[in-house]
Amino acid sequence: MNLLFVCSRNQWRSPTAEQVWRKHPGLSVRSGGTSRNARHPVSEADILWADAVCVMEDKHASQLKASFRELLQGKPLHVLDIPDDYRYMDPELVELVREGVAALLPSFRFF
């Protein structure tokens, strides 16, 4: 299963999620940001690659829907509700990402 993690600037939250889940069997992961100034702005290719998308906040889901509505049809899009209060690999952020995604894994129809 290909899982895309998205935050604003692809600097702290989504790269942390990518790092945390990159060695999980059965998952291939990537991360991107919704901002034009992101380290890796989410592209059409990222959306096409993904089987499911996890965003950190509601605003990220809205931004992706505005830019990639048709490409997202039929793909699970989950909001993890993780605020922009953490730095890369902050232990609390790691725990939030682990718990949030682990709770979703059974619902992914591809897993």
C-alpha atoms as a PDB file:
ATOM      1  CA  MET A   1       0.000   0.000   0.000  1.00  0.00           C
ATOM      2  CA  ASN A   2       1.266   3.469  -0.922  1.00  0.00           C
ATOM      3  CA  LEU A   3       0.611   6.038   1.795  1.00  0.00           C
ATOM      4  CA  LEU A   4       1.186   9.768   1.303  1.00  0.00           C
ATOM      5  CA  PHE A   5       1.644  12.062   4.321  1.00  0.00           C
ATOM      6  CA  VAL A   6       0.923  15.767   3.866  1.00  0.00           C
ATOM      7  CA  CYS A   7       1.482  18.901   5.938  1.00  0.00           C
ATOM      8  CA  SER A   8       2.100  22.509   4.923  1.00  0.00           C
ATOM      9  CA  ARG A   9       5.825  22.864   4.236  1.00  0.00           C
ATOM     10  CA  ASN A  10       6.949  19.211   4.328  1.00  0.00           C
ATOM     11  CA  GLN A  11       9.472  20.201   6.924  1.00  0.00           C
ATOM     12  CA  TRP A  12       8.537  18.593  10.260  1.00  0.00           C
ATOM     13  CA  ARG A  13       5.250  16.702  10.508  1.00  0.00           C
ATOM     14  CA  SER A  14       4.941  14.827   7.219  1.00  0.00           C
ATOM     15  CA  PRO A  15       8.666  13.916   7.029  1.00  0.00           C
ATOM     16  CA  THR A  16       8.413  12.609  10.602  1.00  0.00           C
ATOM     17  CA  ALA A  17       5.415  10.473   9.601  1.00  0.00           C
ATOM     18  CA  GLU A  18       7.331   9.208   6.574  1.00  0.00           C
ATOM     19  CA  GLN A  19      10.313   8.295   8.761  1.00  0.00           C
ATOM     20  CA  VAL A  20       8.176   6.582  11.410  1.00  0.00           C
ATOM     21  CA  TRP A  21       6.279   4.402   8.910  1.00  0.00           C
ATOM     22  CA  ARG A  22       8.911   3.812   6.215  1.00  0.00           C
ATOM     23  CA  LYS A  23       9.961   0.369   7.460  1.00  0.00           C
ATOM     24  CA  HIS A  24       6.470  -0.967   8.165  1.00  0.00           C
ATOM     25  CA  PRO A  25       5.869  -4.146   6.158  1.00  0.00           C
ATOM     26  CA  GLY A  26       3.253  -3.671   3.501  1.00  0.00           C
ATOM     27  CA  LEU A  27       3.616   0.116   3.354  1.00  0.00           C
ATOM     28  CA  SER A  28       5.475   2.371   0.959  1.00  0.00           C
ATOM     29  CA  VAL A  29       5.434   5.964   2.163  1.00  0.00           C
ATOM     30  CA  ARG A  30       6.131   9.454   0.853  1.00  0.00           C
ATOM     31  CA  SER A  31       5.555  12.939   2.173  1.00  0.00           C
ATOM     32  CA  GLY A  32       4.810  16.336   0.713  1.00  0.00           C
ATOM     33  CA  GLY A  33       3.524  19.783   1.512  1.00  0.00           C
ATOM     34  CA  THR A  34       0.642  21.898   0.299  1.00  0.00           C
ATOM     35  CA  SER A  35       2.669  25.128   0.212  1.00  0.00           C
ATOM     36  CA  ARG A  36       4.497  26.264  -2.919  1.00  0.00           C
ATOM     37  CA  ASN A  37       7.457  26.768  -0.559  1.00  0.00           C
ATOM     38  CA  ALA A  38       7.370  23.163   0.678  1.00  0.00           C
ATOM     39  CA  ARG A  39      10.534  21.095   0.558  1.00  0.00           C
ATOM     40  CA  HIS A  40       8.556  18.749  -1.707  1.00  0.00           C
ATOM     41  CA  PRO A  41       5.266  20.248  -2.901  1.00  0.00           C
ATOM     42  CA  VAL A  42       2.582  17.597  -3.397  1.00  0.00           C
ATOM     43  CA  SER A  43       2.332  16.839  -7.098  1.00  0.00           C
ATOM     44  CA  GLU A  44      -0.110  15.095  -9.374  1.00  0.00           C
ATOM     45  CA  ALA A  45       2.366  12.196  -9.502  1.00  0.00           C
ATOM     46  CA  ASP A  46       2.256  11.889  -5.693  1.00  0.00           C
ATOM     47  CA  ILE A  47      -1.540  11.703  -5.700  1.00  0.00           C
ATOM     48  CA  LEU A  48      -1.555   9.145  -8.526  1.00  0.00           C
ATOM     49  CA  TRP A  49       1.036   7.048  -6.650  1.00  0.00           C
ATOM     50  CA  ALA A  50      -0.886   7.085  -3.347  1.00  0.00           C
ATOM     51  CA  ASP A  51      -3.484   4.500  -2.379  1.00  0.00           C
ATOM     52  CA  ALA A  52      -4.401   6.628   0.651  1.00  0.00           C
ATOM     53  CA  VAL A  53      -3.499  10.072   1.964  1.00  0.00           C
ATOM     54  CA  CYS A  54      -3.024  11.208   5.565  1.00  0.00           C
ATOM     55  CA  VAL A  55      -3.010  14.942   6.193  1.00  0.00           C
ATOM     56  CA  MET A  56      -2.117  16.680   9.420  1.00  0.00           C
ATOM     57  CA  GLU A  57      -4.964  19.239   9.497  1.00  0.00           C
ATOM     58  CA  ASP A  58      -8.352  19.887   7.881  1.00  0.00           C
ATOM     59  CA  LYS A  59      -6.860  22.761   5.876  1.00  0.00           C
ATOM     60  CA  HIS A  60      -4.519  20.320   4.126  1.00  0.00           C
ATOM     61  CA  ALA A  61      -7.444  18.125   3.093  1.00  0.00           C
ATOM     62  CA  SER A  62      -9.240  21.188   1.725  1.00  0.00           C
ATOM     63  CA  GLN A  63      -6.173  22.316  -0.198  1.00  0.00           C
ATOM     64  CA  LEU A  64      -5.647  18.885  -1.725  1.00  0.00           C
ATOM     65  CA  LYS A  65      -9.311  18.639  -2.714  1.00  0.00           C
ATOM     66  CA  ALA A  66      -9.110  22.070  -4.347  1.00  0.00           C
ATOM     67  CA  SER A  67      -6.039  21.081  -6.366  1.00  0.00           C
ATOM     68  CA  PHE A  68      -6.589  17.369  -7.024  1.00  0.00           C
ATOM     69  CA  ARG A  69     -10.312  16.682  -6.600  1.00  0.00           C
ATOM     70  CA  GLU A  70     -10.633  14.215  -9.490  1.00  0.00           C
ATOM     71  CA  LEU A  71      -7.408  12.370  -8.686  1.00  0.00           C
ATOM     72  CA  LEU A  72      -8.501  11.912  -5.058  1.00  0.00           C
ATOM     73  CA  GLN A  73     -11.815  10.282  -5.942  1.00  0.00           C
ATOM     74  CA  GLY A  74     -12.003   6.841  -4.409  1.00  0.00           C
ATOM     75  CA  LYS A  75      -8.874   7.305  -2.297  1.00  0.00           C
ATOM     76  CA  PRO A  76      -9.133   7.385   1.485  1.00  0.00           C
ATOM     77  CA  LEU A  77      -8.198  10.846   2.803  1.00  0.00           C
ATOM     78  CA  HIS A  78      -7.680  10.970   6.559  1.00  0.00           C
ATOM     79  CA  VAL A  79      -7.081  13.960   8.820  1.00  0.00           C
ATOM     80  CA  LEU A  80      -4.743  13.100  11.708  1.00  0.00           C
ATOM     81  CA  ASP A  81      -5.486  16.352  13.603  1.00  0.00           C
ATOM     82  CA  ILE A  82      -1.851  17.052  14.454  1.00  0.00           C
ATOM     83  CA  PRO A  83      -1.172  20.788  14.921  1.00  0.00           C
ATOM     84  CA  ASP A  84       1.986  22.522  13.731  1.00  0.00           C
ATOM     85  CA  ASP A  85       3.493  22.531  17.237  1.00  0.00           C
ATOM     86  CA  TYR A  86       6.361  20.091  16.749  1.00  0.00           C
ATOM     87  CA  ARG A  87       9.785  19.824  15.164  1.00  0.00           C
ATOM     88  CA  TYR A  88      11.088  16.901  13.108  1.00  0.00           C
ATOM     89  CA  MET A  89      11.097  13.634  15.099  1.00  0.00           C
ATOM     90  CA  ASP A  90       9.846  15.319  18.295  1.00  0.00           C
ATOM     91  CA  PRO A  91       8.985  12.359  20.570  1.00  0.00           C
ATOM     92  CA  GLU A  92       5.423  13.595  21.110  1.00  0.00           C
ATOM     93  CA  LEU A  93       4.930  14.030  17.347  1.00  0.00           C
ATOM     94  CA  VAL A  94       6.301  10.523  16.741  1.00  0.00           C
ATOM     95  CA  GLU A  95       3.779   9.115  19.209  1.00  0.00           C
ATOM     96  CA  LEU A  96       0.866  11.057  17.678  1.00  0.00           C
ATOM     97  CA  VAL A  97       1.796   9.819  14.202  1.00  0.00           C
ATOM     98  CA  ARG A  98       2.183   6.225  15.383  1.00  0.00           C
ATOM     99  CA  GLU A  99      -1.147   6.221  17.199  1.00  0.00           C
ATOM    100  CA  GLY A 100      -3.054   8.092  14.496  1.00  0.00           C
ATOM    101  CA  VAL A 101      -1.936   5.925  11.609  1.00  0.00           C
ATOM    102  CA  ALA A 102      -2.094   2.650  13.565  1.00  0.00           C
ATOM    103  CA  ALA A 103      -5.761   3.389  14.302  1.00  0.00           C
ATOM    104  CA  LEU A 104      -6.403   3.830  10.567  1.00  0.00           C
ATOM    105  CA  LEU A 105      -4.596   0.748   9.237  1.00  0.00           C
ATOM    106  CA  PRO A 106      -7.550  -1.630   9.693  1.00  0.00           C
ATOM    107  CA  SER A 107      -9.794   0.729   7.716  1.00  0.00           C
ATOM    108  CA  PHE A 108      -7.532   0.859   4.660  1.00  0.00           C
ATOM    109  CA  ARG A 109      -9.125  -1.454   2.165  1.00  0.00           C
ATOM    110  CA  PHE A 110      -5.740  -2.103   0.547  1.00  0.00           C
ATOM    111  CA  PHE A 111      -4.029  -3.355   3.701  1.00  0.00           C
END
